Amino acid sequence: MKRESMGPGGVDGDPFDEFVAARYQALLRGAFLITGDVHDARDLLHDALARVYAKRSAIREPAATERYVRRTMVRTHVSRWRRTRREVLTSALPDGPAAQEAERDEELAVALGALPRRQRAAVVLRYYLDLSVAQVAEELGCSVPTAKTHLARGIRTLRQELEPVRELVGRER
């Protein structure tokens, strides 16, 4: 067998390699919103991908791979936080859009960074990754009412944090 015909993983057409190639950037953005730091996000995503890769044969539905990666990212992040109990945030965003949007995204990232980790993860999973409340509960490993509580508290805090920004923007128009 010629090496040139093989894919980057050494096996032509490996479904996991194809999944990573297709969903890497979206998963990295989700990891960034969970961690608040580009470098931590990359580490978190790579750790999650390595863990899921090792268990990929146990995934019965290939379409569920992303759910496994997201769940692994959230659980790994919470475990790290429990061990270290510290957080380092940065205002730098990965490959941001136009300057005005980047500034707004930066304010949102700072506000998200101020949330407790479970609330932040719930908000990112629900509103950024567009999961249902039941899926958020499943990803966080909690009940649906608990997930709703995390979401409600997180959104309330974000509204309070971002309201002064809205008032300033409204006055400038």
N, C-alpha and C. Protein backbone atom coordinates (compact mmCIF):
# COMPACT_ATOMS: atom_id res chain seq x y z
N MET A 1 0.84 -1.18 0.00
CA MET A 1 0.00 0.00 0.00
C MET A 1 0.89 1.24 0.00
N LYS A 2 0.58 2.19 -0.87
CA LYS A 2 1.37 3.42 -0.96
C LYS A 2 0.98 4.37 0.15
N ARG A 3 1.97 5.06 0.76
CA ARG A 3 1.73 6.04 1.83
C ARG A 3 0.98 7.26 1.30
N GLU A 4 1.23 7.64 0.04
CA GLU A 4 0.61 8.85 -0.49
C GLU A 4 -0.90 8.75 -0.52
N SER A 5 -1.45 7.57 -0.66
CA SER A 5 -2.89 7.41 -0.76
C SER A 5 -3.58 7.42 0.60
N MET A 6 -2.78 7.40 1.63
CA MET A 6 -3.37 7.36 2.97
C MET A 6 -3.66 8.76 3.46
N GLY A 7 -4.68 8.88 4.32
CA GLY A 7 -5.04 10.17 4.91
C GLY A 7 -4.07 10.54 6.01
N PRO A 8 -4.29 11.71 6.65
CA PRO A 8 -3.39 12.19 7.69
C PRO A 8 -3.31 11.26 8.89
N GLY A 9 -4.34 10.52 9.17
CA GLY A 9 -4.34 9.60 10.30
C GLY A 9 -3.74 8.26 9.96
N GLY A 10 -3.34 8.07 8.69
CA GLY A 10 -2.75 6.82 8.29
C GLY A 10 -3.77 5.84 7.75
N VAL A 11 -5.05 6.12 7.89
CA VAL A 11 -6.10 5.23 7.40
C VAL A 11 -7.01 6.05 6.51
N ASP A 12 -7.20 5.58 5.29
CA ASP A 12 -8.06 6.30 4.37
C ASP A 12 -9.51 6.28 4.83
N GLY A 13 -10.13 7.47 4.88
CA GLY A 13 -11.56 7.55 5.15
C GLY A 13 -11.97 7.22 6.57
N ASP A 14 -11.09 7.38 7.55
CA ASP A 14 -11.46 7.13 8.94
C ASP A 14 -12.57 8.10 9.32
N PRO A 15 -13.74 7.60 9.74
CA PRO A 15 -14.86 8.48 10.08
C PRO A 15 -14.51 9.49 11.17
N PHE A 16 -13.68 9.11 12.12
CA PHE A 16 -13.33 10.04 13.19
C PHE A 16 -12.48 11.19 12.65
N ASP A 17 -11.54 10.88 11.77
CA ASP A 17 -10.72 11.92 11.14
C ASP A 17 -11.60 12.88 10.34
N GLU A 18 -12.57 12.33 9.62
CA GLU A 18 -13.49 13.16 8.84
C GLU A 18 -14.33 14.04 9.77
N PHE A 19 -14.79 13.48 10.88
CA PHE A 19 -15.56 14.25 11.86
C PHE A 19 -14.72 15.41 12.39
N VAL A 20 -13.48 15.14 12.79
CA VAL A 20 -12.61 16.18 13.34
C VAL A 20 -12.37 17.26 12.30
N ALA A 21 -12.11 16.88 11.07
CA ALA A 21 -11.86 17.86 10.02
C ALA A 21 -13.08 18.75 9.80
N ALA A 22 -14.26 18.17 9.87
CA ALA A 22 -15.48 18.93 9.60
C ALA A 22 -15.92 19.80 10.78
N ARG A 23 -15.70 19.37 12.01
CA ARG A 23 -16.27 20.05 13.18
C ARG A 23 -15.25 20.71 14.09
N TYR A 24 -13.98 20.69 13.73
CA TYR A 24 -12.93 21.18 14.62
C TYR A 24 -13.15 22.64 15.04
N GLN A 25 -13.36 23.52 14.07
CA GLN A 25 -13.50 24.95 14.39
C GLN A 25 -14.71 25.21 15.28
N ALA A 26 -15.83 24.57 15.02
CA ALA A 26 -17.01 24.77 15.85
C ALA A 26 -16.77 24.26 17.27
N LEU A 27 -16.12 23.11 17.39
CA LEU A 27 -15.81 22.57 18.71
C LEU A 27 -14.80 23.47 19.44
N LEU A 28 -13.85 24.03 18.71
CA LEU A 28 -12.86 24.93 19.32
C LEU A 28 -13.54 26.20 19.84
N ARG A 29 -14.49 26.74 19.07
CA ARG A 29 -15.22 27.92 19.54
C ARG A 29 -16.00 27.59 20.80
N GLY A 30 -16.64 26.45 20.84
CA GLY A 30 -17.36 26.03 22.04
C GLY A 30 -16.42 25.87 23.23
N ALA A 31 -15.26 25.28 23.00
CA ALA A 31 -14.27 25.10 24.06
C ALA A 31 -13.78 26.45 24.56
N PHE A 32 -13.60 27.42 23.63
CA PHE A 32 -13.17 28.76 24.04
C PHE A 32 -14.22 29.42 24.92
N LEU A 33 -15.47 29.28 24.55
CA LEU A 33 -16.53 29.89 25.36
C LEU A 33 -16.64 29.22 26.72
N ILE A 34 -16.30 27.96 26.80
CA ILE A 34 -16.33 27.27 28.09
C ILE A 34 -15.15 27.69 28.96
N THR A 35 -13.96 27.79 28.36
CA THR A 35 -12.76 28.07 29.15
C THR A 35 -12.44 29.55 29.29
N GLY A 36 -12.75 30.33 28.26
CA GLY A 36 -12.41 31.74 28.29
C GLY A 36 -10.97 32.03 27.88
N ASP A 37 -10.24 31.03 27.41
CA ASP A 37 -8.85 31.22 27.03
C ASP A 37 -8.55 30.36 25.80
N VAL A 38 -7.89 30.94 24.81
CA VAL A 38 -7.62 30.23 23.55
C VAL A 38 -6.76 29.00 23.79
N HIS A 39 -5.70 29.15 24.57
CA HIS A 39 -4.78 28.03 24.80
C HIS A 39 -5.46 26.93 25.61
N ASP A 40 -6.20 27.30 26.64
CA ASP A 40 -6.93 26.30 27.42
C ASP A 40 -7.98 25.62 26.57
N ALA A 41 -8.60 26.37 25.66
CA ALA A 41 -9.62 25.79 24.79
C ALA A 41 -9.01 24.73 23.88
N ARG A 42 -7.85 25.04 23.31
CA ARG A 42 -7.18 24.05 22.45
C ARG A 42 -6.80 22.80 23.25
N ASP A 43 -6.24 23.02 24.43
CA ASP A 43 -5.87 21.88 25.28
C ASP A 43 -7.10 21.05 25.63
N LEU A 44 -8.17 21.73 26.01
CA LEU A 44 -9.40 21.03 26.38
C LEU A 44 -9.94 20.22 25.21
N LEU A 45 -10.01 20.85 24.04
CA LEU A 45 -10.54 20.15 22.86
C LEU A 45 -9.65 18.97 22.49
N HIS A 46 -8.34 19.15 22.52
CA HIS A 46 -7.44 18.05 22.14
C HIS A 46 -7.52 16.91 23.15
N ASP A 47 -7.63 17.24 24.43
CA ASP A 47 -7.80 16.18 25.44
C ASP A 47 -9.10 15.43 25.20
N ALA A 48 -10.18 16.18 24.94
CA ALA A 48 -11.48 15.53 24.70
C ALA A 48 -11.43 14.66 23.46
N LEU A 49 -10.83 15.16 22.39
CA LEU A 49 -10.74 14.37 21.16
C LEU A 49 -9.90 13.11 21.38
N ALA A 50 -8.82 13.23 22.14
CA ALA A 50 -7.99 12.05 22.42
C ALA A 50 -8.77 11.01 23.22
N ARG A 51 -9.53 11.48 24.21
CA ARG A 51 -10.32 10.53 25.03
C ARG A 51 -11.41 9.87 24.21
N VAL A 52 -12.09 10.63 23.38
CA VAL A 52 -13.16 10.05 22.56
C VAL A 52 -12.56 9.15 21.49
N TYR A 53 -11.41 9.53 20.93
CA TYR A 53 -10.76 8.71 19.91
C TYR A 53 -10.46 7.31 20.47
N ALA A 54 -9.97 7.28 21.71
CA ALA A 54 -9.63 5.99 22.32
C ALA A 54 -10.85 5.10 22.49
N LYS A 55 -12.03 5.71 22.62
CA LYS A 55 -13.25 4.95 22.85
C LYS A 55 -14.19 4.97 21.65
N ARG A 56 -13.70 5.41 20.50
CA ARG A 56 -14.57 5.61 19.33
C ARG A 56 -15.27 4.34 18.88
N SER A 57 -14.68 3.19 19.12
CA SER A 57 -15.32 1.94 18.69
C SER A 57 -16.57 1.64 19.52
N ALA A 58 -16.68 2.24 20.71
CA ALA A 58 -17.86 2.03 21.55
C ALA A 58 -19.02 2.92 21.15
N ILE A 59 -18.79 3.90 20.28
CA ILE A 59 -19.86 4.81 19.84
C ILE A 59 -20.65 4.10 18.75
N ARG A 60 -21.87 3.78 19.06
CA ARG A 60 -22.69 2.99 18.13
C ARG A 60 -23.21 3.82 16.97
N GLU A 61 -23.54 5.09 17.26
CA GLU A 61 -24.05 5.97 16.21
C GLU A 61 -22.98 7.01 15.89
N PRO A 62 -22.43 6.99 14.69
CA PRO A 62 -21.41 7.98 14.33
C PRO A 62 -21.91 9.43 14.51
N ALA A 63 -23.21 9.65 14.34
CA ALA A 63 -23.76 11.00 14.50
C ALA A 63 -23.66 11.48 15.94
N ALA A 64 -23.48 10.58 16.89
CA ALA A 64 -23.40 10.95 18.30
C ALA A 64 -21.99 11.34 18.72
N THR A 65 -21.04 11.27 17.83
CA THR A 65 -19.64 11.57 18.17
C THR A 65 -19.49 12.98 18.73
N GLU A 66 -20.15 13.95 18.11
CA GLU A 66 -20.03 15.33 18.58
C GLU A 66 -20.57 15.48 19.99
N ARG A 67 -21.66 14.81 20.27
CA ARG A 67 -22.23 14.85 21.63
C ARG A 67 -21.24 14.29 22.64
N TYR A 68 -20.56 13.21 22.30
CA TYR A 68 -19.56 12.63 23.19
C TYR A 68 -18.39 13.60 23.41
N VAL A 69 -17.96 14.25 22.34
CA VAL A 69 -16.85 15.20 22.47
C VAL A 69 -17.26 16.38 23.34
N ARG A 70 -18.46 16.93 23.11
CA ARG A 70 -18.92 18.06 23.94
C ARG A 70 -19.03 17.67 25.39
N ARG A 71 -19.62 16.53 25.65
CA ARG A 71 -19.77 16.06 27.03
C ARG A 71 -18.41 15.87 27.68
N THR A 72 -17.48 15.29 26.94
CA THR A 72 -16.13 15.08 27.46
C THR A 72 -15.45 16.41 27.74
N MET A 73 -15.65 17.41 26.86
CA MET A 73 -15.07 18.74 27.10
C MET A 73 -15.62 19.34 28.39
N VAL A 74 -16.92 19.30 28.57
CA VAL A 74 -17.53 19.90 29.76
C VAL A 74 -17.05 19.19 31.02
N ARG A 75 -17.08 17.88 31.00
CA ARG A 75 -16.67 17.12 32.19
C ARG A 75 -15.18 17.29 32.50
N THR A 76 -14.37 17.33 31.48
CA THR A 76 -12.93 17.54 31.68
C THR A 76 -12.68 18.93 32.25
N HIS A 77 -13.37 19.90 31.71
CA HIS A 77 -13.20 21.28 32.19
C HIS A 77 -13.63 21.41 33.66
N VAL A 78 -14.75 20.83 34.01
CA VAL A 78 -15.22 20.89 35.40
C VAL A 78 -14.23 20.16 36.32
N SER A 79 -13.72 19.02 35.87
CA SER A 79 -12.75 18.28 36.68
C SER A 79 -11.47 19.09 36.90
N ARG A 80 -10.99 19.74 35.85
CA ARG A 80 -9.80 20.57 35.99
C ARG A 80 -10.05 21.71 36.97
N TRP A 81 -11.20 22.33 36.84
CA TRP A 81 -11.54 23.44 37.71
C TRP A 81 -11.60 22.99 39.17
N ARG A 82 -12.18 21.84 39.39
CA ARG A 82 -12.27 21.33 40.77
C ARG A 82 -10.88 21.08 41.35
N ARG A 83 -9.96 20.63 40.50
CA ARG A 83 -8.60 20.37 40.98
C ARG A 83 -7.85 21.67 41.25
N THR A 84 -7.98 22.63 40.38
CA THR A 84 -7.15 23.83 40.49
C THR A 84 -7.84 25.00 41.17
N ARG A 85 -9.13 25.13 41.00
CA ARG A 85 -9.92 26.24 41.57
C ARG A 85 -9.35 27.61 41.22
N ARG A 86 -8.83 27.72 40.04
CA ARG A 86 -8.35 29.03 39.61
C ARG A 86 -8.72 29.21 38.15
N GLU A 87 -8.72 30.46 37.73
CA GLU A 87 -9.14 30.76 36.37
C GLU A 87 -8.31 31.92 35.84
N VAL A 88 -7.84 31.77 34.62
CA VAL A 88 -7.09 32.83 33.97
C VAL A 88 -7.84 33.16 32.68
N LEU A 89 -8.32 34.38 32.57
CA LEU A 89 -9.08 34.79 31.39
C LEU A 89 -8.25 35.73 30.54
N THR A 90 -8.57 35.77 29.27
CA THR A 90 -7.91 36.68 28.35
C THR A 90 -8.96 37.36 27.50
N SER A 91 -8.63 38.51 26.98
CA SER A 91 -9.58 39.22 26.13
C SER A 91 -9.40 38.86 24.66
N ALA A 92 -8.39 38.05 24.33
CA ALA A 92 -8.14 37.68 22.94
C ALA A 92 -9.12 36.60 22.50
N LEU A 93 -9.68 36.79 21.33
CA LEU A 93 -10.62 35.83 20.76
C LEU A 93 -9.96 35.09 19.59
N PRO A 94 -10.34 33.83 19.37
CA PRO A 94 -9.78 33.13 18.22
C PRO A 94 -10.43 33.63 16.92
N ASP A 95 -9.60 34.01 15.97
CA ASP A 95 -10.07 34.41 14.64
C ASP A 95 -11.40 35.15 14.67
N GLY A 96 -11.43 36.33 15.30
CA GLY A 96 -12.66 37.09 15.46
C GLY A 96 -13.14 37.74 14.18
N PRO A 97 -14.42 38.16 14.15
CA PRO A 97 -14.98 38.84 12.99
C PRO A 97 -14.52 40.30 12.93
N ALA A 98 -15.32 41.19 12.35
CA ALA A 98 -14.97 42.61 12.22
C ALA A 98 -14.74 43.22 13.60
N ALA A 99 -14.07 44.37 13.64
CA ALA A 99 -13.66 45.00 14.91
C ALA A 99 -14.83 45.27 15.83
N GLN A 100 -15.93 45.81 15.32
CA GLN A 100 -17.08 46.12 16.18
C GLN A 100 -17.69 44.84 16.75
N GLU A 101 -17.84 43.84 15.92
CA GLU A 101 -18.37 42.57 16.40
C GLU A 101 -17.41 41.92 17.37
N ALA A 102 -16.11 42.05 17.11
CA ALA A 102 -15.11 41.46 18.00
C ALA A 102 -15.18 42.11 19.37
N GLU A 103 -15.40 43.43 19.41
CA GLU A 103 -15.52 44.13 20.69
C GLU A 103 -16.74 43.63 21.46
N ARG A 104 -17.85 43.48 20.75
CA ARG A 104 -19.07 42.98 21.39
C ARG A 104 -18.87 41.53 21.86
N ASP A 105 -18.21 40.73 21.03
CA ASP A 105 -17.92 39.35 21.41
C ASP A 105 -17.00 39.30 22.62
N GLU A 106 -16.05 40.23 22.66
CA GLU A 106 -15.12 40.30 23.79
C GLU A 106 -15.87 40.62 25.09
N GLU A 107 -16.81 41.56 25.00
CA GLU A 107 -17.62 41.90 26.18
C GLU A 107 -18.44 40.69 26.63
N LEU A 108 -18.98 39.96 25.66
CA LEU A 108 -19.75 38.76 25.99
C LEU A 108 -18.84 37.71 26.61
N ALA A 109 -17.64 37.55 26.07
CA ALA A 109 -16.69 36.56 26.61
C ALA A 109 -16.31 36.91 28.05
N VAL A 110 -16.11 38.21 28.31
CA VAL A 110 -15.79 38.64 29.68
C VAL A 110 -16.96 38.35 30.60
N ALA A 111 -18.17 38.67 30.14
CA ALA A 111 -19.37 38.41 30.95
C ALA A 111 -19.55 36.91 31.18
N LEU A 112 -19.31 36.11 30.14
CA LEU A 112 -19.39 34.65 30.30
C LEU A 112 -18.33 34.17 31.29
N GLY A 113 -17.15 34.76 31.22
CA GLY A 113 -16.06 34.38 32.12
C GLY A 113 -16.38 34.65 33.57
N ALA A 114 -17.27 35.61 33.82
CA ALA A 114 -17.63 35.94 35.20
C ALA A 114 -18.65 34.95 35.78
N LEU A 115 -19.28 34.17 34.92
CA LEU A 115 -20.27 33.20 35.39
C LEU A 115 -19.58 32.01 36.05
N PRO A 116 -20.26 31.38 37.03
CA PRO A 116 -19.75 30.10 37.54
C PRO A 116 -19.67 29.09 36.40
N ARG A 117 -18.78 28.15 36.50
CA ARG A 117 -18.50 27.23 35.39
C ARG A 117 -19.72 26.45 34.91
N ARG A 118 -20.54 25.97 35.80
CA ARG A 118 -21.70 25.18 35.37
C ARG A 118 -22.70 26.07 34.64
N GLN A 119 -22.89 27.30 35.11
CA GLN A 119 -23.79 28.23 34.43
C GLN A 119 -23.23 28.58 33.05
N ARG A 120 -21.93 28.83 32.99
CA ARG A 120 -21.30 29.16 31.71
C ARG A 120 -21.46 28.01 30.73
N ALA A 121 -21.19 26.81 31.19
CA ALA A 121 -21.31 25.65 30.31
C ALA A 121 -22.75 25.48 29.84
N ALA A 122 -23.71 25.68 30.74
CA ALA A 122 -25.13 25.54 30.37
C ALA A 122 -25.51 26.57 29.31
N VAL A 123 -25.10 27.82 29.50
CA VAL A 123 -25.43 28.89 28.56
C VAL A 123 -24.79 28.62 27.20
N VAL A 124 -23.53 28.22 27.20
CA VAL A 124 -22.84 27.94 25.93
C VAL A 124 -23.50 26.77 25.21
N LEU A 125 -23.78 25.71 25.94
CA LEU A 125 -24.40 24.54 25.31
C LEU A 125 -25.79 24.88 24.75
N ARG A 126 -26.55 25.64 25.50
CA ARG A 126 -27.94 25.93 25.10
C ARG A 126 -28.00 26.97 23.98
N TYR A 127 -27.32 28.08 24.15
CA TYR A 127 -27.51 29.20 23.23
C TYR A 127 -26.44 29.33 22.16
N TYR A 128 -25.26 28.78 22.39
CA TYR A 128 -24.24 28.85 21.35
C TYR A 128 -24.25 27.58 20.50
N LEU A 129 -24.32 26.43 21.17
CA LEU A 129 -24.32 25.17 20.44
C LEU A 129 -25.73 24.69 20.10
N ASP A 130 -26.74 25.45 20.55
CA ASP A 130 -28.14 25.23 20.19
C ASP A 130 -28.67 23.86 20.60
N LEU A 131 -28.33 23.43 21.81
CA LEU A 131 -28.86 22.18 22.33
C LEU A 131 -30.15 22.45 23.08
N SER A 132 -31.01 21.45 23.17
CA SER A 132 -32.23 21.59 23.96
C SER A 132 -31.87 21.56 25.44
N VAL A 133 -32.82 21.97 26.28
CA VAL A 133 -32.58 21.97 27.72
C VAL A 133 -32.30 20.55 28.21
N ALA A 134 -33.03 19.58 27.66
CA ALA A 134 -32.80 18.19 28.05
C ALA A 134 -31.38 17.74 27.67
N GLN A 135 -30.91 18.17 26.50
CA GLN A 135 -29.56 17.81 26.08
C GLN A 135 -28.52 18.50 26.95
N VAL A 136 -28.80 19.75 27.35
CA VAL A 136 -27.89 20.47 28.25
C VAL A 136 -27.79 19.71 29.57
N ALA A 137 -28.94 19.28 30.10
CA ALA A 137 -28.94 18.52 31.35
C ALA A 137 -28.13 17.24 31.21
N GLU A 138 -28.29 16.59 30.08
CA GLU A 138 -27.56 15.35 29.84
C GLU A 138 -26.05 15.61 29.76
N GLU A 139 -25.67 16.68 29.05
CA GLU A 139 -24.26 17.02 28.92
C GLU A 139 -23.63 17.38 30.27
N LEU A 140 -24.40 18.08 31.11
CA LEU A 140 -23.88 18.49 32.41
C LEU A 140 -24.00 17.39 33.46
N GLY A 141 -24.74 16.34 33.13
CA GLY A 141 -24.91 15.25 34.08
C GLY A 141 -25.80 15.64 35.26
N CYS A 142 -26.86 16.42 34.97
CA CYS A 142 -27.77 16.85 36.03
C CYS A 142 -29.20 16.70 35.54
N SER A 143 -30.16 17.01 36.40
CA SER A 143 -31.56 16.92 36.02
C SER A 143 -31.95 18.12 35.17
N VAL A 144 -33.09 18.00 34.48
CA VAL A 144 -33.58 19.09 33.65
C VAL A 144 -33.88 20.33 34.50
N PRO A 145 -34.55 20.20 35.66
CA PRO A 145 -34.78 21.40 36.48
C PRO A 145 -33.48 22.09 36.91
N THR A 146 -32.46 21.31 37.22
CA THR A 146 -31.17 21.90 37.60
C THR A 146 -30.55 22.64 36.41
N ALA A 147 -30.64 22.05 35.22
CA ALA A 147 -30.12 22.71 34.02
C ALA A 147 -30.88 24.01 33.78
N LYS A 148 -32.21 23.99 33.97
CA LYS A 148 -33.00 25.21 33.80
C LYS A 148 -32.57 26.28 34.79
N THR A 149 -32.27 25.87 36.01
CA THR A 149 -31.82 26.82 37.03
C THR A 149 -30.49 27.44 36.62
N HIS A 150 -29.54 26.60 36.16
CA HIS A 150 -28.25 27.12 35.70
C HIS A 150 -28.45 28.11 34.55
N LEU A 151 -29.33 27.77 33.61
CA LEU A 151 -29.59 28.64 32.47
C LEU A 151 -30.22 29.96 32.91
N ALA A 152 -31.23 29.89 33.76
CA ALA A 152 -31.92 31.10 34.20
C ALA A 152 -30.98 32.03 34.96
N ARG A 153 -30.20 31.47 35.85
CA ARG A 153 -29.25 32.30 36.62
C ARG A 153 -28.17 32.88 35.73
N GLY A 154 -27.68 32.07 34.82
CA GLY A 154 -26.64 32.55 33.91
C GLY A 154 -27.14 33.67 33.01
N ILE A 155 -28.32 33.50 32.43
CA ILE A 155 -28.89 34.52 31.55
C ILE A 155 -29.19 35.80 32.34
N ARG A 156 -29.73 35.65 33.55
CA ARG A 156 -30.02 36.83 34.38
C ARG A 156 -28.73 37.62 34.65
N THR A 157 -27.67 36.92 35.01
CA THR A 157 -26.40 37.58 35.28
C THR A 157 -25.85 38.25 34.03
N LEU A 158 -25.92 37.56 32.88
CA LEU A 158 -25.44 38.15 31.63
C LEU A 158 -26.23 39.41 31.28
N ARG A 159 -27.53 39.37 31.47
CA ARG A 159 -28.34 40.57 31.17
C ARG A 159 -27.94 41.73 32.06
N GLN A 160 -27.70 41.44 33.33
CA GLN A 160 -27.28 42.50 34.25
C GLN A 160 -25.92 43.06 33.86
N GLU A 161 -25.01 42.18 33.47
CA GLU A 161 -23.66 42.61 33.10
C GLU A 161 -23.65 43.38 31.78
N LEU A 162 -24.48 42.96 30.84
CA LEU A 162 -24.45 43.56 29.50
C LEU A 162 -25.44 44.71 29.34
N GLU A 163 -26.32 44.94 30.29
CA GLU A 163 -27.31 46.02 30.20
C GLU A 163 -26.65 47.40 30.07
N PRO A 164 -25.62 47.74 30.86
CA PRO A 164 -24.98 49.05 30.68
C PRO A 164 -24.43 49.23 29.26
N VAL A 165 -23.97 48.17 28.65
CA VAL A 165 -23.46 48.25 27.27
C VAL A 165 -24.61 48.58 26.33
N ARG A 166 -25.77 47.95 26.51
CA ARG A 166 -26.94 48.22 25.67
C ARG A 166 -27.38 49.67 25.82
N GLU A 167 -27.37 50.18 27.05
CA GLU A 167 -27.78 51.56 27.27
C GLU A 167 -26.84 52.52 26.55
N LEU A 168 -25.54 52.26 26.58
CA LEU A 168 -24.59 53.12 25.88
C LEU A 168 -24.80 53.06 24.38
N VAL A 169 -25.01 51.88 23.85
CA VAL A 169 -25.22 51.72 22.42
C VAL A 169 -26.50 52.43 21.99
N GLY A 170 -27.55 52.31 22.81
CA GLY A 170 -28.83 52.96 22.50
C GLY A 170 -28.72 54.47 22.50
N ARG A 171 -27.90 55.05 23.36
CA ARG A 171 -27.72 56.51 23.43
C ARG A 171 -26.95 57.04 22.23
N GLU A 172 -26.03 56.25 21.68
CA GLU A 172 -25.20 56.71 20.58
C GLU A 172 -25.97 56.81 19.28
N ARG A 173 -27.05 56.12 19.14
CA ARG A 173 -27.82 56.10 17.89
C ARG A 173 -28.59 57.34 17.67
